[in-house]
Amino acid sequence: MGFDSSALLNEPEVRVVLGAHQASRAEKEQQIFKVMRYFPHPQFARPSKENDIMLLKGDSGGPLICADRYSGIVSFGKGKRCGRRDMPGVYTRLTEKYIDWIKDTISLHRDP
């Protein structure tokens, strides 16, 4: 992952939202997942390490990895430079359809 695994935290109230940017309010509520362990952002270490996964400006398109599998892609967070404590980061859920498209796109643009 590029940073020390000792940064792994056990925080029971971390939340992420998968694919909620085009969902109704009821669907958004069903898409909120508690994250039991996570790596904090390697370039943003708040002293309190409060219960959120902070998205930073420029993180869009980055991975959400759960149990050593790519599970989502960073979609957006609220805030001008960084996420807001009262709003979870929003991710696009990686379904087989997305994974197939990603693999096809990579193979089309790979150097011979």
PDB file of N, CA and C in Angstrom:
ATOM      1  N   MET A   1       0.816  -1.197   0.000  1.00  0.00           N
ATOM      2  CA  MET A   1       0.000   0.000   0.000  1.00  0.00           C
ATOM      3  C   MET A   1       0.861   1.263   0.000  1.00  0.00           C
ATOM      4  N   GLY A   2       2.146   1.147   0.309  1.00  0.00           N
ATOM      5  CA  GLY A   2       2.986   2.315   0.230  1.00  0.00           C
ATOM      6  C   GLY A   2       3.207   3.024   1.543  1.00  0.00           C
ATOM      7  N   PHE A   3       2.617   2.526   2.623  1.00  0.00           N
ATOM      8  CA  PHE A   3       2.895   3.110   3.925  1.00  0.00           C
ATOM      9  C   PHE A   3       2.813   2.049   4.986  1.00  0.00           C
ATOM     10  N   ASP A   4       3.287   2.368   6.155  1.00  0.00           N
ATOM     11  CA  ASP A   4       3.465   1.413   7.244  1.00  0.00           C
ATOM     12  C   ASP A   4       2.141   0.807   7.699  1.00  0.00           C
ATOM     13  N   SER A   5       2.056  -0.527   7.700  1.00  0.00           N
ATOM     14  CA  SER A   5       0.820  -1.192   8.121  1.00  0.00           C
ATOM     15  C   SER A   5       0.556  -1.021   9.608  1.00  0.00           C
ATOM     16  N   SER A   6       1.523  -0.515  10.375  1.00  0.00           N
ATOM     17  CA  SER A   6       1.255  -0.252  11.791  1.00  0.00           C
ATOM     18  C   SER A   6       0.264   0.891  11.953  1.00  0.00           C
ATOM     19  N   ALA A   7      -0.021   1.603  10.859  1.00  0.00           N
ATOM     20  CA  ALA A   7      -1.003   2.682  10.909  1.00  0.00           C
ATOM     21  C   ALA A   7      -2.428   2.148  10.920  1.00  0.00           C
ATOM     22  N   LEU A   8      -2.598   0.830  10.808  1.00  0.00           N
ATOM     23  CA  LEU A   8      -3.922   0.220  10.801  1.00  0.00           C
ATOM     24  C   LEU A   8      -4.634   0.533  12.104  1.00  0.00           C
ATOM     25  N   LEU A   9      -5.862   0.997  12.000  1.00  0.00           N
ATOM     26  CA  LEU A   9      -6.629   1.388  13.183  1.00  0.00           C
ATOM     27  C   LEU A   9      -7.805   0.452  13.392  1.00  0.00           C
ATOM     28  N   ASN A  10      -8.247   0.332  14.604  1.00  0.00           N
ATOM     29  CA  ASN A  10      -9.489  -0.371  14.921  1.00  0.00           C
ATOM     30  C   ASN A  10     -10.468   0.657  15.455  1.00  0.00           C
ATOM     31  N   GLU A  11     -11.298   1.185  14.600  1.00  0.00           N
ATOM     32  CA  GLU A  11     -12.250   2.226  14.958  1.00  0.00           C
ATOM     33  C   GLU A  11     -13.635   1.754  14.527  1.00  0.00           C
ATOM     34  N   PRO A  12     -14.544   1.487  15.457  1.00  0.00           N
ATOM     35  CA  PRO A  12     -15.826   0.880  15.101  1.00  0.00           C
ATOM     36  C   PRO A  12     -16.817   1.796  14.396  1.00  0.00           C
ATOM     37  N   GLU A  13     -16.590   3.101  14.349  1.00  0.00           N
ATOM     38  CA  GLU A  13     -17.598   3.996  13.798  1.00  0.00           C
ATOM     39  C   GLU A  13     -17.208   4.653  12.480  1.00  0.00           C
ATOM     40  N   VAL A  14     -16.221   4.144  11.800  1.00  0.00           N
ATOM     41  CA  VAL A  14     -15.838   4.693  10.504  1.00  0.00           C
ATOM     42  C   VAL A  14     -16.925   4.345   9.495  1.00  0.00           C
ATOM     43  N   ARG A  15     -17.305   5.305   8.618  1.00  0.00           N
ATOM     44  CA  ARG A  15     -18.360   5.054   7.641  1.00  0.00           C
ATOM     45  C   ARG A  15     -17.895   5.422   6.239  1.00  0.00           C
ATOM     46  N   VAL A  16     -18.313   4.654   5.275  1.00  0.00           N
ATOM     47  CA  VAL A  16     -18.141   5.020   3.870  1.00  0.00           C
ATOM     48  C   VAL A  16     -19.466   4.775   3.164  1.00  0.00           C
ATOM     49  N   VAL A  17     -19.671   5.473   2.063  1.00  0.00           N
ATOM     50  CA  VAL A  17     -20.875   5.302   1.261  1.00  0.00           C
ATOM     51  C   VAL A  17     -20.432   4.819  -0.111  1.00  0.00           C
ATOM     52  N   LEU A  18     -21.015   3.730  -0.583  1.00  0.00           N
ATOM     53  CA  LEU A  18     -20.664   3.189  -1.895  1.00  0.00           C
ATOM     54  C   LEU A  18     -21.745   3.518  -2.909  1.00  0.00           C
ATOM     55  N   GLY A  19     -21.377   4.218  -3.945  1.00  0.00           N
ATOM     56  CA  GLY A  19     -22.277   4.462  -5.065  1.00  0.00           C
ATOM     57  C   GLY A  19     -23.508   5.265  -4.733  1.00  0.00           C
ATOM     58  N   ALA A  20     -23.432   6.163  -3.770  1.00  0.00           N
ATOM     59  CA  ALA A  20     -24.630   6.870  -3.327  1.00  0.00           C
ATOM     60  C   ALA A  20     -24.876   8.174  -4.067  1.00  0.00           C
ATOM     61  N   HIS A  21     -23.989   8.587  -4.952  1.00  0.00           N
ATOM     62  CA  HIS A  21     -24.143   9.893  -5.584  1.00  0.00           C
ATOM     63  C   HIS A  21     -25.320   9.967  -6.548  1.00  0.00           C
ATOM     64  N   GLN A  22     -25.848   8.833  -7.003  1.00  0.00           N
ATOM     65  CA  GLN A  22     -27.023   8.854  -7.863  1.00  0.00           C
ATOM     66  C   GLN A  22     -28.173   8.071  -7.232  1.00  0.00           C
ATOM     67  N   ALA A  23     -28.168   7.966  -5.926  1.00  0.00           N
ATOM     68  CA  ALA A  23     -29.183   7.170  -5.232  1.00  0.00           C
ATOM     69  C   ALA A  23     -30.165   8.078  -4.502  1.00  0.00           C
ATOM     70  N   SER A  24     -31.365   7.545  -4.272  1.00  0.00           N
ATOM     71  CA  SER A  24     -32.337   8.280  -3.464  1.00  0.00           C
ATOM     72  C   SER A  24     -31.872   8.281  -2.012  1.00  0.00           C
ATOM     73  N   ARG A  25     -32.503   9.090  -1.176  1.00  0.00           N
ATOM     74  CA  ARG A  25     -32.107   9.174   0.237  1.00  0.00           C
ATOM     75  C   ARG A  25     -32.190   7.804   0.911  1.00  0.00           C
ATOM     76  N   ALA A  26     -33.272   7.060   0.674  1.00  0.00           N
ATOM     77  CA  ALA A  26     -33.418   5.731   1.290  1.00  0.00           C
ATOM     78  C   ALA A  26     -32.312   4.794   0.814  1.00  0.00           C
ATOM     79  N   GLU A  27     -31.990   4.861  -0.472  1.00  0.00           N
ATOM     80  CA  GLU A  27     -30.916   4.017  -1.000  1.00  0.00           C
ATOM     81  C   GLU A  27     -29.569   4.413  -0.409  1.00  0.00           C
ATOM     82  N   LYS A  28     -29.347   5.715  -0.238  1.00  0.00           N
ATOM     83  CA  LYS A  28     -28.093   6.179   0.357  1.00  0.00           C
ATOM     84  C   LYS A  28     -27.928   5.615   1.761  1.00  0.00           C
ATOM     85  N   GLU A  29     -29.013   5.628   2.534  1.00  0.00           N
ATOM     86  CA  GLU A  29     -28.930   5.119   3.900  1.00  0.00           C
ATOM     87  C   GLU A  29     -28.594   3.630   3.909  1.00  0.00           C
ATOM     88  N   GLN A  30     -29.067   2.895   2.921  1.00  0.00           N
ATOM     89  CA  GLN A  30     -28.759   1.470   2.835  1.00  0.00           C
ATOM     90  C   GLN A  30     -27.329   1.226   2.379  1.00  0.00           C
ATOM     91  N   GLN A  31     -26.709   2.219   1.762  1.00  0.00           N
ATOM     92  CA  GLN A  31     -25.362   2.062   1.218  1.00  0.00           C
ATOM     93  C   GLN A  31     -24.264   2.433   2.210  1.00  0.00           C
ATOM     94  N   ILE A  32     -24.615   2.872   3.420  1.00  0.00           N
ATOM     95  CA  ILE A  32     -23.596   3.266   4.392  1.00  0.00           C
ATOM     96  C   ILE A  32     -23.082   2.025   5.106  1.00  0.00           C
ATOM     97  N   PHE A  33     -21.775   1.844   5.073  1.00  0.00           N
ATOM     98  CA  PHE A  33     -21.140   0.688   5.689  1.00  0.00           C
ATOM     99  C   PHE A  33     -20.226   1.141   6.807  1.00  0.00           C
ATOM    100  N   LYS A  34     -20.239   0.422   7.913  1.00  0.00           N
ATOM    101  CA  LYS A  34     -19.254   0.671   8.952  1.00  0.00           C
ATOM    102  C   LYS A  34     -17.975  -0.052   8.562  1.00  0.00           C
ATOM    103  N   VAL A  35     -16.862   0.607   8.740  1.00  0.00           N
ATOM    104  CA  VAL A  35     -15.559   0.038   8.422  1.00  0.00           C
ATOM    105  C   VAL A  35     -14.855  -0.230   9.740  1.00  0.00           C
ATOM    106  N   MET A  36     -14.506  -1.473   9.970  1.00  0.00           N
ATOM    107  CA  MET A  36     -13.919  -1.844  11.257  1.00  0.00           C
ATOM    108  C   MET A  36     -12.433  -1.516  11.348  1.00  0.00           C
ATOM    109  N   ARG A  37     -11.715  -1.585  10.233  1.00  0.00           N
ATOM    110  CA  ARG A  37     -10.278  -1.274  10.240  1.00  0.00           C
ATOM    111  C   ARG A  37      -9.952  -0.513   8.971  1.00  0.00           C
ATOM    112  N   TYR A  38      -9.056   0.432   9.070  1.00  0.00           N
ATOM    113  CA  TYR A  38      -8.669   1.166   7.876  1.00  0.00           C
ATOM    114  C   TYR A  38      -7.288   1.755   8.044  1.00  0.00           C
ATOM    115  N   PHE A  39      -6.683   2.083   6.896  1.00  0.00           N
ATOM    116  CA  PHE A  39      -5.418   2.801   6.883  1.00  0.00           C
ATOM    117  C   PHE A  39      -5.745   4.277   6.732  1.00  0.00           C
ATOM    118  N   PRO A  40      -5.257   5.127   7.629  1.00  0.00           N
ATOM    119  CA  PRO A  40      -5.491   6.557   7.430  1.00  0.00           C
ATOM    120  C   PRO A  40      -4.718   7.045   6.207  1.00  0.00           C
ATOM    121  N   HIS A  41      -5.158   8.143   5.642  1.00  0.00           N
ATOM    122  CA  HIS A  41      -4.495   8.711   4.473  1.00  0.00           C
ATOM    123  C   HIS A  41      -3.039   8.997   4.822  1.00  0.00           C
ATOM    124  N   PRO A  42      -2.088   8.520   4.023  1.00  0.00           N
ATOM    125  CA  PRO A  42      -0.673   8.648   4.391  1.00  0.00           C
ATOM    126  C   PRO A  42      -0.162  10.080   4.428  1.00  0.00           C
ATOM    127  N   GLN A  43      -0.854  11.025   3.789  1.00  0.00           N
ATOM    128  CA  GLN A  43      -0.379  12.400   3.767  1.00  0.00           C
ATOM    129  C   GLN A  43      -1.220  13.314   4.642  1.00  0.00           C
ATOM    130  N   PHE A  44      -2.104  12.762   5.436  1.00  0.00           N
ATOM    131  CA  PHE A  44      -2.960  13.609   6.268  1.00  0.00           C
ATOM    132  C   PHE A  44      -3.199  12.899   7.580  1.00  0.00           C
ATOM    133  N   ALA A  45      -2.387  13.178   8.567  1.00  0.00           N
ATOM    134  CA  ALA A  45      -2.505  12.507   9.857  1.00  0.00           C
ATOM    135  C   ALA A  45      -2.994  13.501  10.899  1.00  0.00           C
ATOM    136  N   ARG A  46      -4.275  13.472  11.165  1.00  0.00           N
ATOM    137  CA  ARG A  46      -4.822  14.309  12.236  1.00  0.00           C
ATOM    138  C   ARG A  46      -4.441  13.693  13.560  1.00  0.00           C
ATOM    139  N   PRO A  47      -4.111  14.502  14.547  1.00  0.00           N
ATOM    140  CA  PRO A  47      -3.722  13.930  15.839  1.00  0.00           C
ATOM    141  C   PRO A  47      -4.820  13.088  16.468  1.00  0.00           C
ATOM    142  N   SER A  48      -6.089  13.482  16.304  1.00  0.00           N
ATOM    143  CA  SER A  48      -7.172  12.772  16.987  1.00  0.00           C
ATOM    144  C   SER A  48      -7.581  11.497  16.261  1.00  0.00           C
ATOM    145  N   LYS A  49      -7.298  11.386  14.962  1.00  0.00           N
ATOM    146  CA  LYS A  49      -7.702  10.229  14.153  1.00  0.00           C
ATOM    147  C   LYS A  49      -9.171   9.876  14.415  1.00  0.00           C
ATOM    148  N   GLU A  50     -10.038  10.877  14.311  1.00  0.00           N
ATOM    149  CA  GLU A  50     -11.450  10.659  14.600  1.00  0.00           C
ATOM    150  C   GLU A  50     -12.064   9.687  13.611  1.00  0.00           C
ATOM    151  N   ASN A  51     -13.300   9.306  13.872  1.00  0.00           N
ATOM    152  CA  ASN A  51     -13.932   8.186  13.180  1.00  0.00           C
ATOM    153  C   ASN A  51     -14.409   8.512  11.770  1.00  0.00           C
ATOM    154  N   ASP A  52     -13.501   8.730  10.878  1.00  0.00           N
ATOM    155  CA  ASP A  52     -13.880   8.901   9.483  1.00  0.00           C
ATOM    156  C   ASP A  52     -12.703   8.540   8.591  1.00  0.00           C
ATOM    157  N   ILE A  53     -12.987   8.371   7.320  1.00  0.00           N
ATOM    158  CA  ILE A  53     -11.927   8.216   6.335  1.00  0.00           C
ATOM    159  C   ILE A  53     -11.918   9.532   5.578  1.00  0.00           C
ATOM    160  N   MET A  54     -10.885  10.313   5.785  1.00  0.00           N
ATOM    161  CA  MET A  54     -10.832  11.650   5.217  1.00  0.00           C
ATOM    162  C   MET A  54     -10.401  11.586   3.759  1.00  0.00           C
ATOM    163  N   LEU A  55     -11.242  12.114   2.881  1.00  0.00           N
ATOM    164  CA  LEU A  55     -10.867  12.231   1.479  1.00  0.00           C
ATOM    165  C   LEU A  55     -10.253  13.601   1.270  1.00  0.00           C
ATOM    166  N   LEU A  56      -9.170  13.647   0.528  1.00  0.00           N
ATOM    167  CA  LEU A  56      -8.502  14.902   0.235  1.00  0.00           C
ATOM    168  C   LEU A  56      -8.728  15.286  -1.215  1.00  0.00           C
ATOM    169  N   LYS A  57      -8.571  16.578  -1.495  1.00  0.00           N
ATOM    170  CA  LYS A  57      -8.683  17.050  -2.868  1.00  0.00           C
ATOM    171  C   LYS A  57      -7.676  16.277  -3.715  1.00  0.00           C
ATOM    172  N   GLY A  58      -8.124  15.736  -4.827  1.00  0.00           N
ATOM    173  CA  GLY A  58      -7.245  14.962  -5.697  1.00  0.00           C
ATOM    174  C   GLY A  58      -7.332  13.458  -5.487  1.00  0.00           C
ATOM    175  N   ASP A  59      -8.094  12.999  -4.485  1.00  0.00           N
ATOM    176  CA  ASP A  59      -8.218  11.565  -4.229  1.00  0.00           C
ATOM    177  C   ASP A  59      -9.186  10.867  -5.182  1.00  0.00           C
ATOM    178  N   SER A  60     -10.021  11.630  -5.887  1.00  0.00           N
ATOM    179  CA  SER A  60     -11.011  11.027  -6.784  1.00  0.00           C
ATOM    180  C   SER A  60     -10.346  10.053  -7.745  1.00  0.00           C
ATOM    181  N   GLY A  61     -10.980   8.902  -7.923  1.00  0.00           N
ATOM    182  CA  GLY A  61     -10.443   7.869  -8.793  1.00  0.00           C
ATOM    183  C   GLY A  61      -9.554   6.875  -8.074  1.00  0.00           C
ATOM    184  N   GLY A  62      -9.201   7.168  -6.831  1.00  0.00           N
ATOM    185  CA  GLY A  62      -8.372   6.256  -6.051  1.00  0.00           C
ATOM    186  C   GLY A  62      -9.177   5.073  -5.540  1.00  0.00           C
ATOM    187  N   PRO A  63      -8.503   4.052  -5.004  1.00  0.00           N
ATOM    188  CA  PRO A  63      -9.196   2.821  -4.611  1.00  0.00           C
ATOM    189  C   PRO A  63      -9.736   2.832  -3.183  1.00  0.00           C
ATOM    190  N   LEU A  64     -10.798   2.066  -2.972  1.00  0.00           N
ATOM    191  CA  LEU A  64     -11.241   1.650  -1.644  1.00  0.00           C
ATOM    192  C   LEU A  64     -10.964   0.153  -1.610  1.00  0.00           C
ATOM    193  N   ILE A  65     -10.098  -0.265  -0.706  1.00  0.00           N
ATOM    194  CA  ILE A  65      -9.690  -1.667  -0.644  1.00  0.00           C
ATOM    195  C   ILE A  65     -10.242  -2.282   0.632  1.00  0.00           C
ATOM    196  N   CYS A  66     -10.988  -3.366   0.492  1.00  0.00           N
ATOM    197  CA  CYS A  66     -11.549  -4.093   1.634  1.00  0.00           C
ATOM    198  C   CYS A  66     -11.090  -5.543   1.539  1.00  0.00           C
ATOM    199  N   ALA A  67     -10.508  -6.042   2.604  1.00  0.00           N
ATOM    200  CA  ALA A  67     -10.043  -7.435   2.657  1.00  0.00           C
ATOM    201  C   ALA A  67      -9.159  -7.766   1.456  1.00  0.00           C
ATOM    202  N   ASP A  68      -8.203  -6.883   1.170  1.00  0.00           N
ATOM    203  CA  ASP A  68      -7.240  -7.069   0.078  1.00  0.00           C
ATOM    204  C   ASP A  68      -7.874  -7.139  -1.308  1.00  0.00           C
ATOM    205  N   ARG A  69      -9.083  -6.597  -1.458  1.00  0.00           N
ATOM    206  CA  ARG A  69      -9.748  -6.551  -2.769  1.00  0.00           C
ATOM    207  C   ARG A  69     -10.178  -5.126  -3.049  1.00  0.00           C
ATOM    208  N   TYR A  70     -10.063  -4.718  -4.306  1.00  0.00           N
ATOM    209  CA  TYR A  70     -10.584  -3.417  -4.685  1.00  0.00           C
ATOM    210  C   TYR A  70     -12.101  -3.495  -4.612  1.00  0.00           C
ATOM    211  N   SER A  71     -12.709  -2.629  -3.801  1.00  0.00           N
ATOM    212  CA  SER A  71     -14.153  -2.673  -3.597  1.00  0.00           C
ATOM    213  C   SER A  71     -14.851  -1.424  -4.101  1.00  0.00           C
ATOM    214  N   GLY A  72     -14.121  -0.335  -4.229  1.00  0.00           N
ATOM    215  CA  GLY A  72     -14.739   0.907  -4.659  1.00  0.00           C
ATOM    216  C   GLY A  72     -13.720   1.863  -5.238  1.00  0.00           C
ATOM    217  N   ILE A  73     -14.243   2.925  -5.848  1.00  0.00           N
ATOM    218  CA  ILE A  73     -13.422   3.997  -6.398  1.00  0.00           C
ATOM    219  C   ILE A  73     -13.886   5.285  -5.735  1.00  0.00           C
ATOM    220  N   VAL A  74     -12.940   6.104  -5.286  1.00  0.00           N
ATOM    221  CA  VAL A  74     -13.290   7.372  -4.645  1.00  0.00           C
ATOM    222  C   VAL A  74     -14.097   8.205  -5.626  1.00  0.00           C
ATOM    223  N   SER A  75     -15.288   8.630  -5.198  1.00  0.00           N
ATOM    224  CA  SER A  75     -16.122   9.476  -6.033  1.00  0.00           C
ATOM    225  C   SER A  75     -15.972  10.931  -5.592  1.00  0.00           C
ATOM    226  N   PHE A  76     -16.394  11.243  -4.362  1.00  0.00           N
ATOM    227  CA  PHE A  76     -16.238  12.613  -3.872  1.00  0.00           C
ATOM    228  C   PHE A  76     -16.426  12.674  -2.365  1.00  0.00           C
ATOM    229  N   GLY A  77     -16.025  13.790  -1.807  1.00  0.00           N
ATOM    230  CA  GLY A  77     -16.262  14.126  -0.408  1.00  0.00           C
ATOM    231  C   GLY A  77     -16.725  15.570  -0.362  1.00  0.00           C
ATOM    232  N   LYS A  78     -17.212  16.021   0.766  1.00  0.00           N
ATOM    233  CA  LYS A  78     -17.667  17.397   0.916  1.00  0.00           C
ATOM    234  C   LYS A  78     -16.552  18.228   1.515  1.00  0.00           C
ATOM    235  N   GLY A  79     -16.408  19.429   1.069  1.00  0.00           N
ATOM    236  CA  GLY A  79     -15.401  20.325   1.612  1.00  0.00           C
ATOM    237  C   GLY A  79     -14.547  20.893   0.497  1.00  0.00           C
ATOM    238  N   LYS A  80     -13.927  22.037   0.770  1.00  0.00           N
ATOM    239  CA  LYS A  80     -13.127  22.697  -0.263  1.00  0.00           C
ATOM    240  C   LYS A  80     -11.799  21.998  -0.490  1.00  0.00           C
ATOM    241  N   ARG A  81     -11.097  21.639   0.575  1.00  0.00           N
ATOM    242  CA  ARG A  81      -9.788  20.998   0.418  1.00  0.00           C
ATOM    243  C   ARG A  81      -9.807  19.566   0.924  1.00  0.00           C
ATOM    244  N   CYS A  82     -10.553  19.324   1.982  1.00  0.00           N
ATOM    245  CA  CYS A  82     -10.596  17.994   2.595  1.00  0.00           C
ATOM    246  C   CYS A  82     -12.042  17.663   2.919  1.00  0.00           C
ATOM    247  N   GLY A  83     -12.279  16.398   3.263  1.00  0.00           N
ATOM    248  CA  GLY A  83     -13.622  15.975   3.629  1.00  0.00           C
ATOM    249  C   GLY A  83     -14.123  16.663   4.887  1.00  0.00           C
ATOM    250  N   ARG A  84     -15.412  16.540   5.121  1.00  0.00           N
ATOM    251  CA  ARG A  84     -16.011  17.092   6.333  1.00  0.00           C
ATOM    252  C   ARG A  84     -16.342  15.961   7.278  1.00  0.00           C
ATOM    253  N   ARG A  85     -16.201  16.227   8.563  1.00  0.00           N
ATOM    254  CA  ARG A  85     -16.426  15.218   9.589  1.00  0.00           C
ATOM    255  C   ARG A  85     -17.869  14.710   9.588  1.00  0.00           C
ATOM    256  N   ASP A  86     -18.830  15.572   9.245  1.00  0.00           N
ATOM    257  CA  ASP A  86     -20.242  15.188   9.302  1.00  0.00           C
ATOM    258  C   ASP A  86     -20.741  14.542   8.009  1.00  0.00           C
ATOM    259  N   MET A  87     -19.883  14.418   7.004  1.00  0.00           N
ATOM    260  CA  MET A  87     -20.281  13.830   5.724  1.00  0.00           C
ATOM    261  C   MET A  87     -19.309  12.716   5.358  1.00  0.00           C
ATOM    262  N   PRO A  88     -19.780  11.487   5.211  1.00  0.00           N
ATOM    263  CA  PRO A  88     -18.853  10.409   4.834  1.00  0.00           C
ATOM    264  C   PRO A  88     -18.378  10.579   3.398  1.00  0.00           C
ATOM    265  N   GLY A  89     -17.205  10.026   3.099  1.00  0.00           N
ATOM    266  CA  GLY A  89     -16.730  10.016   1.722  1.00  0.00           C
ATOM    267  C   GLY A  89     -17.630   9.119   0.879  1.00  0.00           C
ATOM    268  N   VAL A  90     -17.787   9.452  -0.392  1.00  0.00           N
ATOM    269  CA  VAL A  90     -18.659   8.679  -1.279  1.00  0.00           C
ATOM    270  C   VAL A  90     -17.793   7.946  -2.299  1.00  0.00           C
ATOM    271  N   TYR A  91     -18.094   6.672  -2.488  1.00  0.00           N
ATOM    272  CA  TYR A  91     -17.343   5.798  -3.376  1.00  0.00           C
ATOM    273  C   TYR A  91     -18.299   5.153  -4.371  1.00  0.00           C
ATOM    274  N   THR A  92     -17.795   4.811  -5.539  1.00  0.00           N
ATOM    275  CA  THR A  92     -18.547   4.021  -6.510  1.00  0.00           C
ATOM    276  C   THR A  92     -18.213   2.556  -6.260  1.00  0.00           C
ATOM    277  N   ARG A  93     -19.252   1.748  -6.083  1.00  0.00           N
ATOM    278  CA  ARG A  93     -19.034   0.322  -5.843  1.00  0.00           C
ATOM    279  C   ARG A  93     -18.479  -0.322  -7.120  1.00  0.00           C
ATOM    280  N   LEU A  94     -17.454  -1.135  -6.967  1.00  0.00           N
ATOM    281  CA  LEU A  94     -16.860  -1.826  -8.112  1.00  0.00           C
ATOM    282  C   LEU A  94     -17.587  -3.147  -8.336  1.00  0.00           C
ATOM    283  N   THR A  95     -18.460  -3.174  -9.326  1.00  0.00           N
ATOM    284  CA  THR A  95     -19.153  -4.408  -9.691  1.00  0.00           C
ATOM    285  C   THR A  95     -18.368  -5.084 -10.813  1.00  0.00           C
ATOM    286  N   GLU A  96     -18.760  -6.288 -11.169  1.00  0.00           N
ATOM    287  CA  GLU A  96     -18.092  -7.016 -12.257  1.00  0.00           C
ATOM    288  C   GLU A  96     -18.118  -6.214 -13.556  1.00  0.00           C
ATOM    289  N   LYS A  97     -19.216  -5.488 -13.789  1.00  0.00           N
ATOM    290  CA  LYS A  97     -19.334  -4.682 -14.996  1.00  0.00           C
ATOM    291  C   LYS A  97     -18.222  -3.630 -15.057  1.00  0.00           C
ATOM    292  N   TYR A  98     -18.000  -2.933 -13.938  1.00  0.00           N
ATOM    293  CA  TYR A  98     -16.924  -1.938 -13.886  1.00  0.00           C
ATOM    294  C   TYR A  98     -15.563  -2.603 -14.041  1.00  0.00           C
ATOM    295  N   ILE A  99     -15.370  -3.715 -13.360  1.00  0.00           N
ATOM    296  CA  ILE A  99     -14.077  -4.404 -13.402  1.00  0.00           C
ATOM    297  C   ILE A  99     -13.758  -4.858 -14.827  1.00  0.00           C
ATOM    298  N   ASP A 100     -14.759  -5.412 -15.523  1.00  0.00           N
ATOM    299  CA  ASP A 100     -14.554  -5.819 -16.919  1.00  0.00           C
ATOM    300  C   ASP A 100     -14.168  -4.622 -17.783  1.00  0.00           C
ATOM    301  N   TRP A 101     -14.866  -3.495 -17.599  1.00  0.00           N
ATOM    302  CA  TRP A 101     -14.570  -2.289 -18.373  1.00  0.00           C
ATOM    303  C   TRP A 101     -13.156  -1.791 -18.075  1.00  0.00           C
ATOM    304  N   ILE A 102     -12.759  -1.779 -16.813  1.00  0.00           N
ATOM    305  CA  ILE A 102     -11.413  -1.332 -16.426  1.00  0.00           C
ATOM    306  C   ILE A 102     -10.358  -2.218 -17.088  1.00  0.00           C
ATOM    307  N   LYS A 103     -10.550  -3.536 -17.008  1.00  0.00           N
ATOM    308  CA  LYS A 103      -9.583  -4.460 -17.628  1.00  0.00           C
ATOM    309  C   LYS A 103      -9.506  -4.253 -19.138  1.00  0.00           C
ATOM    310  N   ASP A 104     -10.666  -4.107 -19.792  1.00  0.00           N
ATOM    311  CA  ASP A 104     -10.685  -3.877 -21.242  1.00  0.00           C
ATOM    312  C   ASP A 104      -9.970  -2.576 -21.603  1.00  0.00           C
ATOM    313  N   THR A 105     -10.230  -1.526 -20.833  1.00  0.00           N
ATOM    314  CA  THR A 105      -9.617  -0.223 -21.098  1.00  0.00           C
ATOM    315  C   THR A 105      -8.109  -0.279 -20.910  1.00  0.00           C
ATOM    316  N   ILE A 106      -7.661  -0.946 -19.865  1.00  0.00           N
ATOM    317  CA  ILE A 106      -6.222  -1.080 -19.629  1.00  0.00           C
ATOM    318  C   ILE A 106      -5.564  -1.846 -20.771  1.00  0.00           C
ATOM    319  N   SER A 107      -6.193  -2.938 -21.203  1.00  0.00           N
ATOM    320  CA  SER A 107      -5.580  -3.739 -22.271  1.00  0.00           C
ATOM    321  C   SER A 107      -5.540  -2.975 -23.597  1.00  0.00           C
ATOM    322  N   LEU A 108      -6.529  -2.119 -23.854  1.00  0.00           N
ATOM    323  CA  LEU A 108      -6.536  -1.323 -25.085  1.00  0.00           C
ATOM    324  C   LEU A 108      -5.416  -0.289 -25.110  1.00  0.00           C
ATOM    325  N   HIS A 109      -5.070   0.227 -23.947  1.00  0.00           N
ATOM    326  CA  HIS A 109      -4.103   1.328 -23.875  1.00  0.00           C
ATOM    327  C   HIS A 109      -2.732   0.893 -23.377  1.00  0.00           C
ATOM    328  N   ARG A 110      -2.533  -0.383 -23.243  1.00  0.00           N
ATOM    329  CA  ARG A 110      -1.240  -0.904 -22.788  1.00  0.00           C
ATOM    330  C   ARG A 110      -0.228  -0.800 -23.923  1.00  0.00           C
ATOM    331  N   ASP A 111       0.995  -0.434 -23.577  1.00  0.00           N
ATOM    332  CA  ASP A 111       2.066  -0.373 -24.582  1.00  0.00           C
ATOM    333  C   ASP A 111       2.356  -1.776 -25.105  1.00  0.00           C
ATOM    334  N   PRO A 112       2.591  -1.903 -26.428  1.00  0.00           N
ATOM    335  CA  PRO A 112       2.859  -3.234 -27.006  1.00  0.00           C
ATOM    336  C   PRO A 112       4.187  -3.814 -26.558  1.00  0.00           C
TER     337      PRO A 112
END
